[in-house]
Amino acid sequence: MRSAQQALRELNGYFLLYKPQGIGLKHLLKDVRDSLLKELNSNYKLKDAPLQYRLLRSDTPGLDQLKLAKTDESNTSPQYSEVDSPEISHLKFYNEAASHFPSLNPPRVRFISKEDNEFSVLGYSSWLNLPTVTGSRFETLALSAASPLEKQACGLSVCAIGKNSKRLISKWRLMHHLQTFVIHGEFGMATDDFTPHGTLREKTTYDHVTANQIEAVLRELVRGQSTRAENLDVLSDTTLQRFVQSAELSQLHLPHFHLKMTVFKDTGALCRRICHELGLELRTTAVCHKAQRVSEAPFESLDDTLLPQLINVETLIEHIKINKNL
């Protein structure tokens, strides 16, 4: 089984997370982070106790007793004279504990000189592997989303984990990937946030709507978005303009309809607005029941996404290895 240090090193890269509808991505990532930290602290052990270091001035009271301490044949711990020095009191206690726990090593003392002052570097083993030590060994884990989704949206979200997560997120956002959304809409009502859960503003009829009319309006919407995109530098680092590259009707059973849209730099908000504008152009109203991101190049489906409740350290490490070439 991997050691805690090895598992922490391998938790570094991209992975795909499925975000359910109605849950904020920030809170979802917090739950995933807490679950991983809990597993690291409870199921993984440190391979070797790392050395802890302290830098003390060479004239620290009691440091000479530590450097010149003698050991007798019956006791392996150094013998100290009566020196009450707060700076090295923890080291005296440490040596007493070392006689009971073989995993602890005696303090190592090395002398260095900087300018006109002399300092001593004290190195001693960590307490983390001792059976009497309790508490969390790992308390932080960098985890964030490279392609976020709003609370009302769901689907695939590319996330980065590990010490290089910020660099990985910046790298991913500079790639300018296109995203595919599947939209579930309903004609006949209008709300303040374009979802059926918002405050109702208006109810309208929809019997006159046909598939040909929807496809014609979608073509006009895409043409208008393309013209707007041509006048903007949408691929620049400073411009965060969102636009629709393509949109098509995939299913119609009045009042319900399904759309498939390819968009650029969207978290789901643009898809809801397009759904609302579609209803207005058809002389009716519409709301968006569901905006699901199903792909984001180079990830073409939801098959490789991880459900939040099923994520563990081993599964996540294997998933990161699959995406290591991105």
C-alpha atoms as a PDB file:
ATOM      1  CA  MET A   1       0.000   0.000   0.000  1.00  0.00           C
ATOM      2  CA  ARG A   2       1.180   3.517  -0.750  1.00  0.00           C
ATOM      3  CA  SER A   3       2.652   5.607   2.013  1.00  0.00           C
ATOM      4  CA  ALA A   4       1.023   8.920   2.897  1.00  0.00           C
ATOM      5  CA  GLN A   5       3.831  10.903   1.244  1.00  0.00           C
ATOM      6  CA  GLN A   6       3.588   8.885  -1.979  1.00  0.00           C
ATOM      7  CA  ALA A   7      -0.197   9.233  -2.129  1.00  0.00           C
ATOM      8  CA  LEU A   8       0.085  12.985  -1.602  1.00  0.00           C
ATOM      9  CA  ARG A   9       2.673  13.281  -4.408  1.00  0.00           C
ATOM     10  CA  GLU A  10       0.490  11.308  -6.832  1.00  0.00           C
ATOM     11  CA  LEU A  11      -2.585  13.437  -6.058  1.00  0.00           C
ATOM     12  CA  ASN A  12      -1.401  16.040  -8.537  1.00  0.00           C
ATOM     13  CA  GLY A  13      -3.146  16.570 -11.881  1.00  0.00           C
ATOM     14  CA  TYR A  14      -6.498  16.778 -13.676  1.00  0.00           C
ATOM     15  CA  PHE A  15      -9.620  14.757 -12.954  1.00  0.00           C
ATOM     16  CA  LEU A  16     -13.253  14.885 -14.096  1.00  0.00           C
ATOM     17  CA  LEU A  17     -15.966  15.509 -11.537  1.00  0.00           C
ATOM     18  CA  TYR A  18     -19.706  15.191 -12.132  1.00  0.00           C
ATOM     19  CA  LYS A  19     -21.534  18.104 -10.510  1.00  0.00           C
ATOM     20  CA  PRO A  20     -25.199  17.443  -9.636  1.00  0.00           C
ATOM     21  CA  GLN A  21     -27.835  20.099 -10.226  1.00  0.00           C
ATOM     22  CA  GLY A  22     -28.693  22.422  -7.346  1.00  0.00           C
ATOM     23  CA  ILE A  23     -25.357  22.067  -5.519  1.00  0.00           C
ATOM     24  CA  GLY A  24     -22.709  24.784  -5.576  1.00  0.00           C
ATOM     25  CA  LEU A  25     -19.394  23.628  -7.008  1.00  0.00           C
ATOM     26  CA  LYS A  26     -17.475  25.352  -4.216  1.00  0.00           C
ATOM     27  CA  HIS A  27     -19.280  23.383  -1.497  1.00  0.00           C
ATOM     28  CA  LEU A  28     -18.996  20.176  -3.526  1.00  0.00           C
ATOM     29  CA  LEU A  29     -15.217  20.541  -3.812  1.00  0.00           C
ATOM     30  CA  LYS A  30     -15.011  21.250  -0.081  1.00  0.00           C
ATOM     31  CA  ASP A  31     -16.809  17.965   0.661  1.00  0.00           C
ATOM     32  CA  VAL A  32     -14.471  16.075  -1.693  1.00  0.00           C
ATOM     33  CA  ARG A  33     -11.419  17.703  -0.082  1.00  0.00           C
ATOM     34  CA  ASP A  34     -12.581  16.852   3.435  1.00  0.00           C
ATOM     35  CA  SER A  35     -13.247  13.247   2.407  1.00  0.00           C
ATOM     36  CA  LEU A  36      -9.772  12.857   0.884  1.00  0.00           C
ATOM     37  CA  LEU A  37      -8.052  14.406   3.901  1.00  0.00           C
ATOM     38  CA  LYS A  38      -9.984  12.157   6.254  1.00  0.00           C
ATOM     39  CA  GLU A  39      -8.897   9.087   4.269  1.00  0.00           C
ATOM     40  CA  LEU A  40      -5.262  10.226   4.116  1.00  0.00           C
ATOM     41  CA  ASN A  41      -5.159  10.794   7.868  1.00  0.00           C
ATOM     42  CA  SER A  42      -6.856   7.532   8.835  1.00  0.00           C
ATOM     43  CA  ASN A  43      -5.792   4.923   6.248  1.00  0.00           C
ATOM     44  CA  TYR A  44      -2.279   5.979   5.207  1.00  0.00           C
ATOM     45  CA  LYS A  45       0.874   5.946   7.307  1.00  0.00           C
ATOM     46  CA  LEU A  46       4.024   7.981   6.934  1.00  0.00           C
ATOM     47  CA  LYS A  47       6.832   5.880   5.475  1.00  0.00           C
ATOM     48  CA  ASP A  48       9.637   7.619   7.355  1.00  0.00           C
ATOM     49  CA  ALA A  49       9.371  10.246  10.037  1.00  0.00           C
ATOM     50  CA  PRO A  50      10.740  13.424   8.426  1.00  0.00           C
ATOM     51  CA  LEU A  51      13.254  15.563  10.276  1.00  0.00           C
ATOM     52  CA  GLN A  52      12.109  18.779  11.922  1.00  0.00           C
ATOM     53  CA  TYR A  53      14.597  21.655  12.016  1.00  0.00           C
ATOM     54  CA  ARG A  54      15.150  24.589  14.323  1.00  0.00           C
ATOM     55  CA  LEU A  55      17.644  27.419  13.899  1.00  0.00           C
ATOM     56  CA  LEU A  56      19.126  28.671  17.190  1.00  0.00           C
ATOM     57  CA  ARG A  57      21.889  31.076  17.997  1.00  0.00           C
ATOM     58  CA  SER A  58      25.034  29.399  19.180  1.00  0.00           C
ATOM     59  CA  ASP A  59      24.936  31.384  22.445  1.00  0.00           C
ATOM     60  CA  THR A  60      21.500  29.969  23.380  1.00  0.00           C
ATOM     61  CA  PRO A  61      21.595  28.969  27.079  1.00  0.00           C
ATOM     62  CA  GLY A  62      21.935  25.217  27.460  1.00  0.00           C
ATOM     63  CA  LEU A  63      22.882  24.513  23.843  1.00  0.00           C
ATOM     64  CA  ASP A  64      26.468  23.655  24.841  1.00  0.00           C
ATOM     65  CA  GLN A  65      25.148  20.901  27.164  1.00  0.00           C
ATOM     66  CA  LEU A  66      23.248  19.462  24.223  1.00  0.00           C
ATOM     67  CA  LYS A  67      26.304  19.527  21.967  1.00  0.00           C
ATOM     68  CA  LEU A  68      28.691  18.074  24.547  1.00  0.00           C
ATOM     69  CA  ALA A  69      26.264  15.622  26.153  1.00  0.00           C
ATOM     70  CA  LYS A  70      27.737  12.236  27.084  1.00  0.00           C
ATOM     71  CA  THR A  71      25.911   8.923  27.088  1.00  0.00           C
ATOM     72  CA  ASP A  72      26.610   6.131  29.545  1.00  0.00           C
ATOM     73  CA  GLU A  73      26.432   2.393  28.801  1.00  0.00           C
ATOM     74  CA  SER A  74      23.126   1.793  30.575  1.00  0.00           C
ATOM     75  CA  ASN A  75      21.150   4.665  29.028  1.00  0.00           C
ATOM     76  CA  THR A  76      21.293   5.834  25.435  1.00  0.00           C
ATOM     77  CA  SER A  77      19.695   9.220  26.101  1.00  0.00           C
ATOM     78  CA  PRO A  78      22.068  12.183  26.682  1.00  0.00           C
ATOM     79  CA  GLN A  79      22.668  13.367  30.231  1.00  0.00           C
ATOM     80  CA  TYR A  80      22.055  17.062  30.881  1.00  0.00           C
ATOM     81  CA  SER A  81      23.221  19.358  33.612  1.00  0.00           C
ATOM     82  CA  GLU A  82      20.685  21.502  35.443  1.00  0.00           C
ATOM     83  CA  VAL A  83      19.932  24.099  32.789  1.00  0.00           C
ATOM     84  CA  ASP A  84      16.533  25.745  32.537  1.00  0.00           C
ATOM     85  CA  SER A  85      16.413  26.882  28.894  1.00  0.00           C
ATOM     86  CA  PRO A  86      13.021  27.209  27.184  1.00  0.00           C
ATOM     87  CA  GLU A  87      14.669  27.018  23.760  1.00  0.00           C
ATOM     88  CA  ILE A  88      15.924  23.460  24.245  1.00  0.00           C
ATOM     89  CA  SER A  89      13.504  22.143  26.857  1.00  0.00           C
ATOM     90  CA  HIS A  90      11.521  20.400  24.110  1.00  0.00           C
ATOM     91  CA  LEU A  91      14.734  18.688  22.947  1.00  0.00           C
ATOM     92  CA  LYS A  92      15.462  17.402  26.464  1.00  0.00           C
ATOM     93  CA  PHE A  93      11.970  15.952  26.641  1.00  0.00           C
ATOM     94  CA  TYR A  94      12.440  14.576  23.125  1.00  0.00           C
ATOM     95  CA  ASN A  95      15.535  12.620  24.153  1.00  0.00           C
ATOM     96  CA  GLU A  96      13.732  11.145  27.133  1.00  0.00           C
ATOM     97  CA  ALA A  97      10.969   9.942  24.799  1.00  0.00           C
ATOM     98  CA  ALA A  98      13.509   8.548  22.315  1.00  0.00           C
ATOM     99  CA  SER A  99      14.495   5.852  24.809  1.00  0.00           C
ATOM    100  CA  HIS A 100      10.917   4.510  24.725  1.00  0.00           C
ATOM    101  CA  PHE A 101      10.209   4.873  20.992  1.00  0.00           C
ATOM    102  CA  PRO A 102      12.894   3.420  18.668  1.00  0.00           C
ATOM    103  CA  SER A 103      11.477   5.316  15.691  1.00  0.00           C
ATOM    104  CA  LEU A 104      12.814   8.562  17.137  1.00  0.00           C
ATOM    105  CA  ASN A 105      16.394   9.501  16.347  1.00  0.00           C
ATOM    106  CA  PRO A 106      18.692  11.575  18.597  1.00  0.00           C
ATOM    107  CA  PRO A 107      18.949  15.250  17.657  1.00  0.00           C
ATOM    108  CA  ARG A 108      21.475  16.088  14.968  1.00  0.00           C
ATOM    109  CA  VAL A 109      23.469  19.274  15.451  1.00  0.00           C
ATOM    110  CA  ARG A 110      25.165  21.144  12.625  1.00  0.00           C
ATOM    111  CA  PHE A 111      26.964  24.499  12.926  1.00  0.00           C
ATOM    112  CA  ILE A 112      26.815  27.225  10.304  1.00  0.00           C
ATOM    113  CA  SER A 113      28.161  30.771  10.191  1.00  0.00           C
ATOM    114  CA  LYS A 114      26.325  33.695   8.647  1.00  0.00           C
ATOM    115  CA  GLU A 115      28.058  37.061   8.596  1.00  0.00           C
ATOM    116  CA  ASP A 116      29.488  37.536  12.117  1.00  0.00           C
ATOM    117  CA  ASN A 117      26.941  35.382  13.929  1.00  0.00           C
ATOM    118  CA  GLU A 118      27.106  31.669  14.517  1.00  0.00           C
ATOM    119  CA  PHE A 119      23.960  29.572  14.395  1.00  0.00           C
ATOM    120  CA  SER A 120      23.172  25.946  15.126  1.00  0.00           C
ATOM    121  CA  VAL A 121      20.738  23.883  13.064  1.00  0.00           C
ATOM    122  CA  LEU A 122      19.028  21.211  15.133  1.00  0.00           C
ATOM    123  CA  GLY A 123      17.394  18.336  13.259  1.00  0.00           C
ATOM    124  CA  TYR A 124      15.193  15.793  15.010  1.00  0.00           C
ATOM    125  CA  SER A 125      12.587  13.245  13.927  1.00  0.00           C
ATOM    126  CA  SER A 126       8.889  14.101  13.730  1.00  0.00           C
ATOM    127  CA  TRP A 127       6.405  12.796  16.274  1.00  0.00           C
ATOM    128  CA  LEU A 128       3.804  11.977  13.638  1.00  0.00           C
ATOM    129  CA  ASN A 129       4.289   8.197  13.562  1.00  0.00           C
ATOM    130  CA  LEU A 130       4.206   7.652  17.316  1.00  0.00           C
ATOM    131  CA  PRO A 131       1.201   5.642  18.529  1.00  0.00           C
ATOM    132  CA  THR A 132       0.470   8.158  21.288  1.00  0.00           C
ATOM    133  CA  VAL A 133       0.168  11.118  18.899  1.00  0.00           C
ATOM    134  CA  THR A 134      -3.389  12.004  17.828  1.00  0.00           C
ATOM    135  CA  GLY A 135      -4.875  14.555  15.475  1.00  0.00           C
ATOM    136  CA  SER A 136      -4.706  15.244  11.739  1.00  0.00           C
ATOM    137  CA  ARG A 137      -1.357  14.979   9.971  1.00  0.00           C
ATOM    138  CA  PHE A 138      -2.708  16.560   6.763  1.00  0.00           C
ATOM    139  CA  GLU A 139      -4.976  19.577   7.054  1.00  0.00           C
ATOM    140  CA  THR A 140      -4.839  21.223   3.608  1.00  0.00           C
ATOM    141  CA  LEU A 141      -5.139  19.975   0.040  1.00  0.00           C
ATOM    142  CA  ALA A 142      -5.224  22.262  -2.990  1.00  0.00           C
ATOM    143  CA  LEU A 143      -8.339  21.503  -5.047  1.00  0.00           C
ATOM    144  CA  SER A 144     -10.238  23.764  -7.457  1.00  0.00           C
ATOM    145  CA  ALA A 145     -12.224  23.731 -10.701  1.00  0.00           C
ATOM    146  CA  ALA A 146     -10.641  24.575 -14.053  1.00  0.00           C
ATOM    147  CA  SER A 147     -14.026  24.721 -15.828  1.00  0.00           C
ATOM    148  CA  PRO A 148     -16.636  25.802 -13.249  1.00  0.00           C
ATOM    149  CA  LEU A 149     -20.391  25.348 -13.422  1.00  0.00           C
ATOM    150  CA  GLU A 150     -23.079  27.487 -11.823  1.00  0.00           C
ATOM    151  CA  LYS A 151     -25.364  26.084  -9.157  1.00  0.00           C
ATOM    152  CA  GLN A 152     -28.328  25.437 -11.503  1.00  0.00           C
ATOM    153  CA  ALA A 153     -26.172  23.594 -14.073  1.00  0.00           C
ATOM    154  CA  CYS A 154     -24.872  20.046 -13.896  1.00  0.00           C
ATOM    155  CA  GLY A 155     -22.499  17.738 -15.726  1.00  0.00           C
ATOM    156  CA  LEU A 156     -18.803  17.473 -16.415  1.00  0.00           C
ATOM    157  CA  SER A 157     -16.379  19.772 -14.597  1.00  0.00           C
ATOM    158  CA  VAL A 158     -12.602  19.590 -15.075  1.00  0.00           C
ATOM    159  CA  CYS A 159     -10.807  19.968 -11.731  1.00  0.00           C
ATOM    160  CA  ALA A 160      -7.178  20.184 -10.677  1.00  0.00           C
ATOM    161  CA  ILE A 161      -5.645  18.878  -7.470  1.00  0.00           C
ATOM    162  CA  GLY A 162      -2.215  19.065  -5.857  1.00  0.00           C
ATOM    163  CA  LYS A 163       0.533  21.585  -5.336  1.00  0.00           C
ATOM    164  CA  ASN A 164       0.541  22.510  -9.051  1.00  0.00           C
ATOM    165  CA  SER A 165      -3.231  23.016  -9.240  1.00  0.00           C
ATOM    166  CA  LYS A 166      -3.041  26.776  -9.879  1.00  0.00           C
ATOM    167  CA  ARG A 167      -0.622  26.304 -12.765  1.00  0.00           C
ATOM    168  CA  LEU A 168      -2.767  23.492 -14.195  1.00  0.00           C
ATOM    169  CA  ILE A 169      -5.906  25.644 -14.024  1.00  0.00           C
ATOM    170  CA  SER A 170      -4.189  28.527 -15.824  1.00  0.00           C
ATOM    171  CA  LYS A 171      -2.910  26.125 -18.471  1.00  0.00           C
ATOM    172  CA  TRP A 172      -6.371  24.626 -19.013  1.00  0.00           C
ATOM    173  CA  ARG A 173      -8.116  27.978 -19.362  1.00  0.00           C
ATOM    174  CA  LEU A 174      -5.591  29.101 -21.976  1.00  0.00           C
ATOM    175  CA  MET A 175      -6.517  26.112 -24.161  1.00  0.00           C
ATOM    176  CA  HIS A 176      -9.964  27.640 -24.959  1.00  0.00           C
ATOM    177  CA  HIS A 177     -11.922  24.389 -25.224  1.00  0.00           C
ATOM    178  CA  LEU A 178     -15.420  24.253 -26.689  1.00  0.00           C
ATOM    179  CA  GLN A 179     -18.145  22.798 -24.469  1.00  0.00           C
ATOM    180  CA  THR A 180     -21.303  20.896 -25.366  1.00  0.00           C
ATOM    181  CA  PHE A 181     -24.503  21.371 -23.345  1.00  0.00           C
ATOM    182  CA  VAL A 182     -27.795  19.493 -23.478  1.00  0.00           C
ATOM    183  CA  ILE A 183     -30.698  21.809 -22.607  1.00  0.00           C
ATOM    184  CA  HIS A 184     -34.077  20.636 -21.290  1.00  0.00           C
ATOM    185  CA  GLY A 185     -36.625  23.423 -21.708  1.00  0.00           C
ATOM    186  CA  GLU A 186     -40.340  24.034 -21.414  1.00  0.00           C
ATOM    187  CA  PHE A 187     -42.550  26.543 -23.235  1.00  0.00           C
ATOM    188  CA  GLY A 188     -45.380  28.461 -21.618  1.00  0.00           C
ATOM    189  CA  MET A 189     -43.878  30.320 -18.638  1.00  0.00           C
ATOM    190  CA  ALA A 190     -41.326  33.000 -17.820  1.00  0.00           C
ATOM    191  CA  THR A 191     -39.472  33.483 -14.512  1.00  0.00           C
ATOM    192  CA  ASP A 192     -36.939  35.944 -13.155  1.00  0.00           C
ATOM    193  CA  ASP A 193     -33.988  33.512 -13.350  1.00  0.00           C
ATOM    194  CA  PHE A 194     -35.122  31.541 -16.466  1.00  0.00           C
ATOM    195  CA  THR A 195     -35.687  28.362 -14.390  1.00  0.00           C
ATOM    196  CA  PRO A 196     -39.025  26.839 -13.248  1.00  0.00           C
ATOM    197  CA  HIS A 197     -37.978  27.443  -9.612  1.00  0.00           C
ATOM    198  CA  GLY A 198     -37.805  31.230  -9.996  1.00  0.00           C
ATOM    199  CA  THR A 199     -40.504  33.822  -9.421  1.00  0.00           C
ATOM    200  CA  LEU A 200     -43.221  33.443 -12.061  1.00  0.00           C
ATOM    201  CA  ARG A 201     -43.532  36.534 -14.284  1.00  0.00           C
ATOM    202  CA  GLU A 202     -45.800  35.431 -17.118  1.00  0.00           C
ATOM    203  CA  LYS A 203     -47.706  32.503 -18.608  1.00  0.00           C
ATOM    204  CA  THR A 204     -48.297  32.176 -22.363  1.00  0.00           C
ATOM    205  CA  THR A 205     -49.690  29.780 -24.955  1.00  0.00           C
ATOM    206  CA  TYR A 206     -47.375  27.635 -27.055  1.00  0.00           C
ATOM    207  CA  ASP A 207     -49.604  25.555 -29.358  1.00  0.00           C
ATOM    208  CA  HIS A 208     -48.442  27.475 -32.443  1.00  0.00           C
ATOM    209  CA  VAL A 209     -44.756  26.472 -32.011  1.00  0.00           C
ATOM    210  CA  THR A 210     -43.355  23.985 -34.564  1.00  0.00           C
ATOM    211  CA  ALA A 211     -39.992  22.277 -35.012  1.00  0.00           C
ATOM    212  CA  ASN A 212     -39.267  24.237 -38.203  1.00  0.00           C
ATOM    213  CA  GLN A 213     -39.837  27.523 -36.397  1.00  0.00           C
ATOM    214  CA  ILE A 214     -37.485  26.507 -33.568  1.00  0.00           C
ATOM    215  CA  GLU A 215     -34.724  25.503 -35.994  1.00  0.00           C
ATOM    216  CA  ALA A 216     -35.093  28.759 -37.917  1.00  0.00           C
ATOM    217  CA  VAL A 217     -34.832  30.836 -34.744  1.00  0.00           C
ATOM    218  CA  LEU A 218     -31.809  28.848 -33.565  1.00  0.00           C
ATOM    219  CA  ARG A 219     -30.029  29.513 -36.872  1.00  0.00           C
ATOM    220  CA  GLU A 220     -30.639  33.235 -36.467  1.00  0.00           C
ATOM    221  CA  LEU A 221     -29.443  33.190 -32.861  1.00  0.00           C
ATOM    222  CA  VAL A 222     -26.230  31.368 -33.825  1.00  0.00           C
ATOM    223  CA  ARG A 223     -25.664  33.757 -36.748  1.00  0.00           C
ATOM    224  CA  GLY A 224     -26.048  36.741 -34.418  1.00  0.00           C
ATOM    225  CA  GLN A 225     -23.685  35.220 -31.869  1.00  0.00           C
ATOM    226  CA  SER A 226     -21.088  34.498 -34.580  1.00  0.00           C
ATOM    227  CA  THR A 227     -21.246  38.074 -35.895  1.00  0.00           C
ATOM    228  CA  ARG A 228     -20.779  39.392 -32.367  1.00  0.00           C
ATOM    229  CA  ALA A 229     -17.858  37.027 -31.771  1.00  0.00           C
ATOM    230  CA  GLU A 230     -16.088  38.188 -34.944  1.00  0.00           C
ATOM    231  CA  ASN A 231     -15.959  41.733 -33.556  1.00  0.00           C
ATOM    232  CA  LEU A 232     -14.383  40.590 -30.290  1.00  0.00           C
ATOM    233  CA  ASP A 233     -11.061  39.005 -29.464  1.00  0.00           C
ATOM    234  CA  VAL A 234     -12.707  36.078 -27.684  1.00  0.00           C
ATOM    235  CA  LEU A 235      -9.461  34.112 -27.526  1.00  0.00           C
ATOM    236  CA  SER A 236      -7.567  36.797 -25.632  1.00  0.00           C
ATOM    237  CA  ASP A 237      -6.603  36.289 -22.013  1.00  0.00           C
ATOM    238  CA  THR A 238      -8.381  39.435 -20.857  1.00  0.00           C
ATOM    239  CA  THR A 239     -11.671  38.989 -22.728  1.00  0.00           C
ATOM    240  CA  LEU A 240     -14.093  36.520 -21.190  1.00  0.00           C
ATOM    241  CA  GLN A 241     -16.869  36.797 -23.782  1.00  0.00           C
ATOM    242  CA  ARG A 242     -19.171  33.792 -24.150  1.00  0.00           C
ATOM    243  CA  PHE A 243     -20.827  32.833 -27.412  1.00  0.00           C
ATOM    244  CA  VAL A 244     -22.721  29.973 -29.050  1.00  0.00           C
ATOM    245  CA  GLN A 245     -21.010  28.188 -31.925  1.00  0.00           C
ATOM    246  CA  SER A 246     -23.887  25.863 -32.858  1.00  0.00           C
ATOM    247  CA  ALA A 247     -27.377  24.943 -31.645  1.00  0.00           C
ATOM    248  CA  GLU A 248     -29.832  22.338 -32.833  1.00  0.00           C
ATOM    249  CA  LEU A 249     -33.191  20.923 -31.804  1.00  0.00           C
ATOM    250  CA  SER A 250     -32.890  17.294 -30.743  1.00  0.00           C
ATOM    251  CA  GLN A 251     -36.375  16.599 -29.396  1.00  0.00           C
ATOM    252  CA  LEU A 252     -39.783  18.311 -29.267  1.00  0.00           C
ATOM    253  CA  HIS A 253     -42.853  17.190 -27.327  1.00  0.00           C
ATOM    254  CA  LEU A 254     -44.788  20.329 -26.546  1.00  0.00           C
ATOM    255  CA  PRO A 255     -44.437  22.026 -24.171  1.00  0.00           C
ATOM    256  CA  HIS A 256     -41.074  20.286 -23.574  1.00  0.00           C
ATOM    257  CA  PHE A 257     -38.056  20.464 -25.898  1.00  0.00           C
ATOM    258  CA  HIS A 258     -34.385  19.453 -25.897  1.00  0.00           C
ATOM    259  CA  LEU A 259     -31.527  21.444 -27.440  1.00  0.00           C
ATOM    260  CA  LYS A 260     -27.899  20.555 -28.067  1.00  0.00           C
ATOM    261  CA  MET A 261     -25.559  23.537 -27.978  1.00  0.00           C
ATOM    262  CA  THR A 262     -21.832  23.989 -28.493  1.00  0.00           C
ATOM    263  CA  VAL A 263     -20.651  27.035 -26.563  1.00  0.00           C
ATOM    264  CA  PHE A 264     -17.451  28.796 -25.569  1.00  0.00           C
ATOM    265  CA  LYS A 265     -16.601  29.795 -21.989  1.00  0.00           C
ATOM    266  CA  ASP A 266     -19.978  29.103 -20.406  1.00  0.00           C
ATOM    267  CA  THR A 267     -20.957  27.932 -16.938  1.00  0.00           C
ATOM    268  CA  GLY A 268     -24.608  27.288 -17.873  1.00  0.00           C
ATOM    269  CA  ALA A 269     -25.905  30.869 -17.580  1.00  0.00           C
ATOM    270  CA  LEU A 270     -25.682  31.577 -21.322  1.00  0.00           C
ATOM    271  CA  CYS A 271     -27.615  28.393 -22.127  1.00  0.00           C
ATOM    272  CA  ARG A 272     -30.470  29.448 -19.825  1.00  0.00           C
ATOM    273  CA  ARG A 273     -30.598  32.874 -21.444  1.00  0.00           C
ATOM    274  CA  ILE A 274     -30.648  31.395 -24.956  1.00  0.00           C
ATOM    275  CA  CYS A 275     -33.557  29.198 -23.875  1.00  0.00           C
ATOM    276  CA  HIS A 276     -35.426  32.309 -22.683  1.00  0.00           C
ATOM    277  CA  GLU A 277     -34.649  34.262 -25.886  1.00  0.00           C
ATOM    278  CA  LEU A 278     -35.831  31.320 -27.978  1.00  0.00           C
ATOM    279  CA  GLY A 279     -39.258  31.564 -26.359  1.00  0.00           C
ATOM    280  CA  LEU A 280     -39.469  35.315 -26.950  1.00  0.00           C
ATOM    281  CA  GLU A 281     -38.574  34.961 -30.655  1.00  0.00           C
ATOM    282  CA  LEU A 282     -41.335  32.358 -31.012  1.00  0.00           C
ATOM    283  CA  ARG A 283     -43.922  34.782 -29.495  1.00  0.00           C
ATOM    284  CA  THR A 284     -44.153  32.726 -26.312  1.00  0.00           C
ATOM    285  CA  THR A 285     -42.002  32.152 -23.222  1.00  0.00           C
ATOM    286  CA  ALA A 286     -39.684  29.381 -22.082  1.00  0.00           C
ATOM    287  CA  VAL A 287     -37.718  28.262 -19.044  1.00  0.00           C
ATOM    288  CA  CYS A 288     -34.719  25.979 -18.708  1.00  0.00           C
ATOM    289  CA  HIS A 289     -35.252  22.885 -16.560  1.00  0.00           C
ATOM    290  CA  LYS A 290     -31.747  21.518 -16.965  1.00  0.00           C
ATOM    291  CA  ALA A 291     -28.426  22.616 -18.478  1.00  0.00           C
ATOM    292  CA  GLN A 292     -26.056  19.652 -18.549  1.00  0.00           C
ATOM    293  CA  ARG A 293     -22.493  19.880 -19.815  1.00  0.00           C
ATOM    294  CA  VAL A 294     -21.825  16.564 -21.563  1.00  0.00           C
ATOM    295  CA  SER A 295     -18.406  17.222 -23.087  1.00  0.00           C
ATOM    296  CA  GLU A 296     -15.445  19.568 -23.039  1.00  0.00           C
ATOM    297  CA  ALA A 297     -12.672  18.775 -25.464  1.00  0.00           C
ATOM    298  CA  PRO A 298     -10.716  16.528 -25.177  1.00  0.00           C
ATOM    299  CA  PHE A 299     -13.322  14.819 -22.927  1.00  0.00           C
ATOM    300  CA  GLU A 300     -16.149  13.788 -25.232  1.00  0.00           C
ATOM    301  CA  SER A 301     -18.551  12.038 -22.823  1.00  0.00           C
ATOM    302  CA  LEU A 302     -19.618  11.665 -19.198  1.00  0.00           C
ATOM    303  CA  ASP A 303     -18.335   8.071 -18.972  1.00  0.00           C
ATOM    304  CA  ASP A 304     -15.031   9.052 -17.347  1.00  0.00           C
ATOM    305  CA  THR A 305     -16.448  11.444 -14.764  1.00  0.00           C
ATOM    306  CA  LEU A 306     -16.244  10.615 -11.054  1.00  0.00           C
ATOM    307  CA  LEU A 307     -19.287  10.857  -8.802  1.00  0.00           C
ATOM    308  CA  PRO A 308     -18.488  12.928  -5.685  1.00  0.00           C
ATOM    309  CA  GLN A 309     -19.777  10.307  -3.243  1.00  0.00           C
ATOM    310  CA  LEU A 310     -17.604   7.570  -4.832  1.00  0.00           C
ATOM    311  CA  ILE A 311     -14.278   9.431  -4.901  1.00  0.00           C
ATOM    312  CA  ASN A 312     -11.426   7.984  -2.827  1.00  0.00           C
ATOM    313  CA  VAL A 313      -7.649   8.342  -2.897  1.00  0.00           C
ATOM    314  CA  GLU A 314      -6.876   5.226  -4.963  1.00  0.00           C
ATOM    315  CA  THR A 315      -9.615   5.890  -7.538  1.00  0.00           C
ATOM    316  CA  LEU A 316      -8.536   9.494  -7.908  1.00  0.00           C
ATOM    317  CA  ILE A 317      -4.863   8.571  -8.372  1.00  0.00           C
ATOM    318  CA  GLU A 318      -5.763   6.114 -11.160  1.00  0.00           C
ATOM    319  CA  HIS A 319      -7.953   8.750 -12.808  1.00  0.00           C
ATOM    320  CA  ILE A 320      -5.161  11.342 -12.655  1.00  0.00           C
ATOM    321  CA  LYS A 321      -2.741   8.899 -14.332  1.00  0.00           C
ATOM    322  CA  ILE A 322      -5.141   8.531 -17.260  1.00  0.00           C
ATOM    323  CA  ASN A 323      -5.175  12.308 -17.783  1.00  0.00           C
ATOM    324  CA  LYS A 324      -1.477  12.922 -17.086  1.00  0.00           C
ATOM    325  CA  ASN A 325      -0.682  13.743 -20.751  1.00  0.00           C
ATOM    326  CA  LEU A 326      -3.049  16.722 -20.914  1.00  0.00           C
END
